[in-house]
Amino acid sequence: MKKKSAKFSKSSALATGRTVLALETQSLQAASERLDHNFTRVVDLIRRARGKVIVVGLGKSGHVAQSVSATLCSLGTSAVFLHASEASHGDIGVVGSGDVVILISKSGATPELVRLAPALRAAGAKLVALVGNLRSPLAGEADAVLDATVAREADPLGLAPTSSAVVALAFGHALAVALAQARKFGLKDFARTHPSGQLGRNVTLRVADIMHGMKEIAVVKPRDSMRDVVVAMTSRPLGAACVVDKSGKLAGLVTDGDLRRALQKFEDIRPLKAADVMTIKPIQISPETLLGDALRLMEERTSQISVLPVAGANGRCLGLLRLHDIYQH
């Protein structure tokens, strides 16, 4: 017989969500306050290691281990994930002398990890235990221990790896960032580890690489009629028209929004000129600006900018950059 589900309560769900976030936040705060020389010891151990970092876990801790290894790689520390069960069936061959192995386990007594520890040490690896029990077998086997203890999990039963998973993941992030800082990992390094995708484009491409040049955009003069503006923007539908003076310098910008507002404000727009509706001294951007900086300029504001005029140091209009182009390039 199918069990009836409890009546859904929006207020109860909201309260539960807030409780979970509060409990996990408290666990992170407590872990931060406990952080001590053992953390710096692990950072130095990895920094000095001749080999790579191998992150091991099982179950939910395995998922955390996968994420931690990926973040380490992303920030310049060579790392791989090793499944605790598969390791005993040949995959331990990835471990070599000079490697550092991070063993993640809330209990510190996960049988597969405990059995694996002697073999890892025999392969010449240094062991780091990221555990929630400092008196556990794994803590006793390790060269260094990180205390990922949590007062309680965030689920009603206090059993599912919730707070503990968040804390373990945060420890991995802390290690990755501390190592990146120690190695002076910079934008060029980040670009090397992110050759494709939006993150990579943000630190490798510049506005000049994806902007629309003058031949591709709507360009009008300050004294051009509204009809001329609409025709130009219709023939070059990029969301805006650059208004330039006789010398080619940017005088203003007319956007689709400016046209709509003009129609709302005036009964008859035929007498209007481009200068009457344009934004004077609009925010503009240099063609040498990195895409990441351009993205922040367009998005990190109360009212998001969808199109930016591109101008040179002398104020000469060079083209347009659309937010759409940054994401779709």
Protein backbone atom coordinates (compact mmCIF):
# COMPACT_ATOMS: atom_id res chain seq x y z
CA MET A 1 0.00 0.00 0.00
CA LYS A 2 1.36 3.35 -1.02
CA LYS A 3 2.31 5.54 1.92
CA LYS A 4 0.66 8.93 1.99
CA SER A 5 3.06 11.83 1.90
CA ALA A 6 2.88 14.53 4.55
CA LYS A 7 1.06 17.70 3.63
CA PHE A 8 3.47 20.18 2.06
CA SER A 9 4.03 23.38 4.00
CA LYS A 10 5.88 26.25 2.32
CA SER A 11 6.68 27.90 5.64
CA SER A 12 8.02 24.65 7.07
CA ALA A 13 10.19 24.05 3.99
CA LEU A 14 11.58 27.56 4.22
CA ALA A 15 12.34 27.15 7.91
CA THR A 16 14.07 23.83 7.24
CA GLY A 17 16.16 25.35 4.49
CA ARG A 18 17.29 28.16 6.74
CA THR A 19 18.09 25.72 9.55
CA VAL A 20 20.24 23.57 7.27
CA LEU A 21 22.17 26.57 5.97
CA ALA A 22 22.63 27.88 9.51
CA LEU A 23 23.91 24.53 10.80
CA GLU A 24 26.35 24.15 7.92
CA THR A 25 27.53 27.73 8.35
CA GLN A 26 28.15 27.05 12.04
CA SER A 27 30.15 23.94 11.15
CA LEU A 28 32.30 25.93 8.74
CA GLN A 29 32.86 28.67 11.32
CA ALA A 30 33.88 26.14 13.93
CA ALA A 31 36.30 24.48 11.50
CA SER A 32 37.79 27.87 10.66
CA GLU A 33 38.37 28.65 14.34
CA ARG A 34 40.06 25.25 14.86
CA LEU A 35 42.43 25.68 11.94
CA ASP A 36 46.01 25.53 13.18
CA HIS A 37 49.59 24.57 12.31
CA ASN A 38 48.40 21.21 10.98
CA PHE A 39 46.89 23.02 8.00
CA THR A 40 50.12 24.85 7.19
CA ARG A 41 51.98 21.56 7.63
CA VAL A 42 49.81 19.93 4.97
CA VAL A 43 50.22 22.90 2.61
CA ASP A 44 54.00 22.73 3.00
CA LEU A 45 53.99 18.94 2.62
CA ILE A 46 52.17 19.21 -0.73
CA ARG A 47 54.21 22.22 -1.87
CA ARG A 48 57.47 20.36 -1.32
CA ALA A 49 56.28 17.02 -2.71
CA ARG A 50 58.02 15.75 -5.83
CA GLY A 51 54.88 14.03 -7.06
CA LYS A 52 51.18 14.74 -7.35
CA VAL A 53 48.28 14.86 -4.94
CA ILE A 54 45.92 11.87 -4.86
CA VAL A 55 42.55 12.38 -3.18
CA VAL A 56 40.77 9.25 -1.95
CA GLY A 57 37.24 8.76 -0.67
CA LEU A 58 34.23 6.47 -0.75
CA GLY A 59 30.53 7.23 -0.96
CA LYS A 60 29.71 10.90 -0.30
CA SER A 61 33.32 11.44 0.72
CA GLY A 62 34.27 10.05 -2.67
CA HIS A 63 32.19 12.71 -4.40
CA VAL A 64 33.88 15.35 -2.25
CA ALA A 65 37.27 13.87 -3.12
CA GLN A 66 36.51 14.14 -6.83
CA SER A 67 35.59 17.79 -6.47
CA VAL A 68 38.67 18.56 -4.36
CA SER A 69 41.02 16.95 -6.89
CA ALA A 70 39.41 18.96 -9.69
CA THR A 71 39.76 22.22 -7.76
CA LEU A 72 43.41 21.49 -6.98
CA CYS A 73 44.10 20.95 -10.68
CA SER A 74 42.19 24.09 -11.57
CA LEU A 75 44.44 26.17 -9.32
CA GLY A 76 47.73 24.68 -10.40
CA THR A 77 48.29 21.64 -8.17
CA SER A 78 48.48 18.37 -10.08
CA ALA A 79 45.92 16.02 -8.56
CA VAL A 80 43.87 12.92 -9.34
CA PHE A 81 40.94 11.16 -7.70
CA LEU A 82 41.35 7.55 -6.58
CA HIS A 83 38.29 5.45 -5.78
CA ALA A 84 38.93 3.64 -2.51
CA SER A 85 37.45 0.31 -3.66
CA GLU A 86 39.02 0.30 -7.12
CA ALA A 87 42.40 1.13 -5.63
CA SER A 88 42.68 -2.37 -4.18
CA HIS A 89 42.01 -3.87 -7.60
CA GLY A 90 44.83 -2.31 -9.56
CA ASP A 91 44.18 1.43 -9.51
CA ILE A 92 46.69 1.93 -6.70
CA GLY A 93 49.25 1.75 -9.51
CA VAL A 94 48.69 5.49 -10.00
CA VAL A 95 50.41 6.13 -6.67
CA GLY A 96 54.15 6.72 -6.75
CA SER A 97 57.00 7.77 -4.51
CA GLY A 98 56.78 11.48 -3.75
CA ASP A 99 52.99 11.64 -3.99
CA VAL A 100 50.78 12.99 -1.21
CA VAL A 101 47.52 11.11 -0.60
CA ILE A 102 44.58 12.87 1.07
CA LEU A 103 42.21 10.33 2.65
CA ILE A 104 38.72 11.74 3.26
CA SER A 105 36.45 9.99 5.76
CA LYS A 106 34.03 11.41 8.32
CA SER A 107 34.49 8.47 10.68
CA GLY A 108 38.15 7.98 9.90
CA ALA A 109 37.39 4.28 10.04
CA THR A 110 36.10 3.51 6.54
CA PRO A 111 37.38 -0.08 6.07
CA GLU A 112 38.40 0.39 2.44
CA LEU A 113 40.54 3.40 3.33
CA VAL A 114 42.03 1.85 6.46
CA ARG A 115 43.10 -1.26 4.51
CA LEU A 116 44.53 0.95 1.78
CA ALA A 117 46.79 3.03 4.05
CA PRO A 118 49.69 0.52 4.41
CA ALA A 119 49.80 -0.10 0.66
CA LEU A 120 49.90 3.66 -0.01
CA ARG A 121 52.76 4.07 2.42
CA ALA A 122 54.57 1.12 0.84
CA ALA A 123 54.29 2.91 -2.53
CA GLY A 124 56.26 5.79 -1.05
CA ALA A 125 53.41 8.25 -0.52
CA LYS A 126 52.85 10.64 2.37
CA LEU A 127 49.40 10.38 3.95
CA VAL A 128 47.05 13.17 5.01
CA ALA A 129 43.85 12.25 6.87
CA LEU A 130 40.91 14.62 6.49
CA VAL A 131 38.64 13.13 9.13
CA GLY A 132 35.90 13.90 11.63
CA ASN A 133 37.47 11.77 14.37
CA LEU A 134 40.99 12.55 15.52
CA ARG A 135 41.25 9.23 17.38
CA SER A 136 40.33 7.16 14.35
CA PRO A 137 42.51 4.52 12.62
CA LEU A 138 43.14 6.79 9.64
CA ALA A 139 44.28 9.64 11.87
CA GLY A 140 46.73 7.24 13.50
CA GLU A 141 48.14 6.14 10.12
CA ALA A 142 48.59 9.63 8.69
CA ASP A 143 51.63 11.88 8.52
CA ALA A 144 49.34 14.88 9.03
CA VAL A 145 45.72 15.21 10.15
CA LEU A 146 43.08 17.84 9.33
CA ASP A 147 40.24 18.10 11.83
CA ALA A 148 36.93 18.07 9.93
CA THR A 149 34.80 17.36 13.00
CA VAL A 150 31.21 18.64 12.97
CA ALA A 151 28.90 18.99 15.97
CA ARG A 152 26.00 17.47 14.02
CA GLU A 153 24.79 16.80 10.53
CA ALA A 154 22.09 19.05 9.12
CA ASP A 155 19.47 16.43 8.29
CA PRO A 156 16.70 15.61 10.81
CA LEU A 157 18.24 12.23 11.63
CA GLY A 158 21.70 13.66 12.04
CA LEU A 159 23.09 10.88 9.84
CA ALA A 160 23.40 12.00 6.21
CA PRO A 161 26.77 13.56 5.29
CA THR A 162 25.61 17.17 5.02
CA SER A 163 27.56 19.44 7.36
CA SER A 164 30.51 17.03 7.26
CA ALA A 165 30.55 17.00 3.45
CA VAL A 166 30.49 20.80 3.32
CA VAL A 167 33.36 21.07 5.79
CA ALA A 168 35.47 18.47 3.97
CA LEU A 169 34.88 20.27 0.66
CA ALA A 170 35.79 23.60 2.22
CA PHE A 171 39.05 22.13 3.55
CA GLY A 172 39.86 21.05 0.00
CA HIS A 173 39.16 24.55 -1.29
CA ALA A 174 41.30 26.07 1.47
CA LEU A 175 44.21 23.80 0.55
CA ALA A 176 43.87 24.54 -3.17
CA VAL A 177 43.79 28.31 -2.65
CA ALA A 178 46.64 28.32 -0.11
CA LEU A 179 48.79 26.28 -2.49
CA ALA A 180 47.95 28.56 -5.41
CA GLN A 181 48.94 31.57 -3.36
CA ALA A 182 52.17 29.92 -2.21
CA ARG A 183 53.07 29.17 -5.82
CA LYS A 184 52.08 32.66 -7.00
CA PHE A 185 49.50 31.15 -9.33
CA GLY A 186 48.37 34.03 -11.59
CA LEU A 187 46.07 34.85 -14.50
CA LYS A 188 48.40 33.35 -17.08
CA ASP A 189 48.56 30.13 -15.09
CA PHE A 190 44.78 30.09 -14.74
CA ALA A 191 44.44 30.53 -18.50
CA ARG A 192 46.75 27.55 -19.03
CA THR A 193 44.55 25.29 -16.91
CA HIS A 194 41.33 26.61 -18.49
CA PRO A 195 42.05 26.65 -22.25
CA SER A 196 38.34 26.58 -23.13
CA GLY A 197 35.05 27.49 -21.55
CA GLN A 198 33.89 30.84 -20.23
CA LEU A 199 36.47 31.02 -17.44
CA GLY A 200 39.30 30.51 -19.90
CA ARG A 201 37.93 33.08 -22.36
CA ASN A 202 37.54 35.63 -19.57
CA VAL A 203 41.29 35.65 -18.87
CA THR A 204 42.68 35.08 -22.36
CA LEU A 205 40.48 37.04 -24.77
CA ARG A 206 40.15 40.80 -24.98
CA VAL A 207 37.28 43.00 -26.10
CA ALA A 208 39.01 43.49 -29.47
CA ASP A 209 38.77 39.74 -30.13
CA ILE A 210 34.96 39.60 -30.12
CA MET A 211 33.67 43.18 -30.53
CA HIS A 212 31.68 44.34 -33.55
CA GLY A 213 33.67 46.82 -35.65
CA MET A 214 32.36 50.03 -37.18
CA LYS A 215 31.23 48.32 -40.39
CA GLU A 216 29.00 45.97 -38.41
CA ILE A 217 27.21 48.44 -36.17
CA ALA A 218 24.65 51.21 -36.49
CA VAL A 219 26.41 54.60 -36.62
CA VAL A 220 24.59 57.94 -36.70
CA LYS A 221 25.39 61.64 -36.27
CA PRO A 222 23.96 63.79 -33.43
CA ARG A 223 21.74 65.73 -35.88
CA ASP A 224 20.38 62.64 -37.66
CA SER A 225 16.60 62.25 -37.53
CA MET A 226 14.87 59.58 -35.48
CA ARG A 227 13.90 57.91 -38.75
CA ASP A 228 17.58 57.66 -39.68
CA VAL A 229 18.35 56.23 -36.24
CA VAL A 230 15.61 53.58 -36.49
CA VAL A 231 16.64 52.62 -40.03
CA ALA A 232 20.29 52.30 -38.99
CA MET A 233 19.44 50.19 -35.95
CA THR A 234 17.13 47.99 -38.02
CA SER A 235 19.82 47.33 -40.63
CA ARG A 236 22.40 46.61 -37.90
CA PRO A 237 20.28 44.96 -35.15
CA LEU A 238 22.78 44.85 -32.27
CA GLY A 239 20.64 46.68 -29.74
CA ALA A 240 22.23 50.12 -30.04
CA ALA A 241 23.57 52.83 -32.34
CA CYS A 242 26.77 54.71 -31.68
CA VAL A 243 26.40 58.47 -32.10
CA VAL A 244 29.65 59.97 -33.40
CA ASP A 245 30.70 63.52 -34.22
CA LYS A 246 32.45 64.71 -37.38
CA SER A 247 35.85 63.64 -36.07
CA GLY A 248 34.64 60.11 -35.33
CA LYS A 249 34.62 60.53 -31.57
CA LEU A 250 31.87 58.93 -29.53
CA ALA A 251 29.23 61.55 -28.66
CA GLY A 252 26.59 59.25 -27.24
CA LEU A 253 24.68 55.99 -27.50
CA VAL A 254 21.09 55.24 -28.51
CA THR A 255 19.79 51.87 -27.32
CA ASP A 256 16.58 49.98 -28.03
CA GLY A 257 15.48 51.07 -24.57
CA ASP A 258 16.07 54.73 -25.43
CA LEU A 259 13.78 54.36 -28.46
CA ARG A 260 11.01 52.80 -26.39
CA ARG A 261 11.26 55.51 -23.76
CA ALA A 262 11.12 58.21 -26.45
CA LEU A 263 7.92 56.68 -27.87
CA GLN A 264 6.38 56.70 -24.40
CA LYS A 265 7.42 60.28 -23.67
CA PHE A 266 6.62 62.02 -26.96
CA GLU A 267 3.41 62.00 -28.99
CA ASP A 268 5.38 62.59 -32.18
CA ILE A 269 9.05 61.55 -32.42
CA ARG A 270 9.56 62.81 -35.98
CA PRO A 271 11.00 66.20 -34.92
CA LEU A 272 13.52 64.54 -32.61
CA LYS A 273 17.20 64.09 -33.43
CA ALA A 274 19.62 61.43 -32.24
CA ALA A 275 21.08 63.93 -29.76
CA ASP A 276 17.65 64.34 -28.15
CA VAL A 277 17.38 60.70 -27.04
CA MET A 278 20.95 59.49 -26.78
CA THR A 279 22.81 58.83 -23.55
CA ILE A 280 25.52 61.45 -23.33
CA LYS A 281 28.94 60.22 -22.16
CA PRO A 282 27.88 56.56 -21.94
CA ILE A 283 30.00 54.01 -20.12
CA GLN A 284 32.55 52.80 -22.65
CA ILE A 285 35.30 50.26 -22.77
CA SER A 286 38.76 49.90 -24.28
CA PRO A 287 39.44 47.21 -26.92
CA GLU A 288 42.37 45.98 -24.77
CA THR A 289 40.18 45.14 -21.77
CA LEU A 290 40.04 41.46 -20.77
CA LEU A 291 36.63 39.84 -21.22
CA GLY A 292 36.43 39.05 -17.52
CA ASP A 293 36.82 42.74 -16.66
CA ALA A 294 34.27 43.69 -19.32
CA LEU A 295 31.84 41.15 -17.91
CA ARG A 296 32.17 42.59 -14.41
CA LEU A 297 31.67 46.12 -15.72
CA MET A 298 28.46 45.08 -17.48
CA GLU A 299 26.97 42.79 -14.82
CA GLU A 300 28.09 44.00 -11.41
CA ARG A 301 25.74 46.93 -11.16
CA THR A 302 22.16 47.62 -10.12
CA SER A 303 21.05 47.92 -13.75
CA GLN A 304 22.85 45.44 -16.02
CA ILE A 305 24.38 46.80 -19.23
CA SER A 306 23.72 44.67 -22.30
CA VAL A 307 25.77 46.67 -24.82
CA LEU A 308 28.87 48.85 -24.49
CA PRO A 309 30.48 51.21 -27.00
CA VAL A 310 34.16 50.50 -27.58
CA ALA A 311 36.43 53.53 -27.86
CA GLY A 312 40.13 54.24 -28.11
CA ALA A 313 42.19 56.36 -25.74
CA ASN A 314 41.46 59.42 -27.90
CA GLY A 315 37.71 58.87 -27.61
CA ARG A 316 37.34 57.65 -31.17
CA CYS A 317 34.51 55.15 -31.57
CA LEU A 318 35.74 51.69 -32.58
CA GLY A 319 32.65 49.48 -32.27
CA LEU A 320 30.24 47.77 -29.91
CA LEU A 321 30.47 44.93 -27.39
CA ARG A 322 27.36 42.98 -26.40
CA LEU A 323 26.95 40.92 -23.24
CA HIS A 324 25.56 38.21 -25.51
CA ASP A 325 28.86 38.12 -27.43
CA ILE A 326 30.90 37.46 -24.29
CA TYR A 327 28.85 34.39 -23.42
CA GLN A 328 28.32 33.08 -26.96
CA HIS A 329 31.73 33.62 -28.51
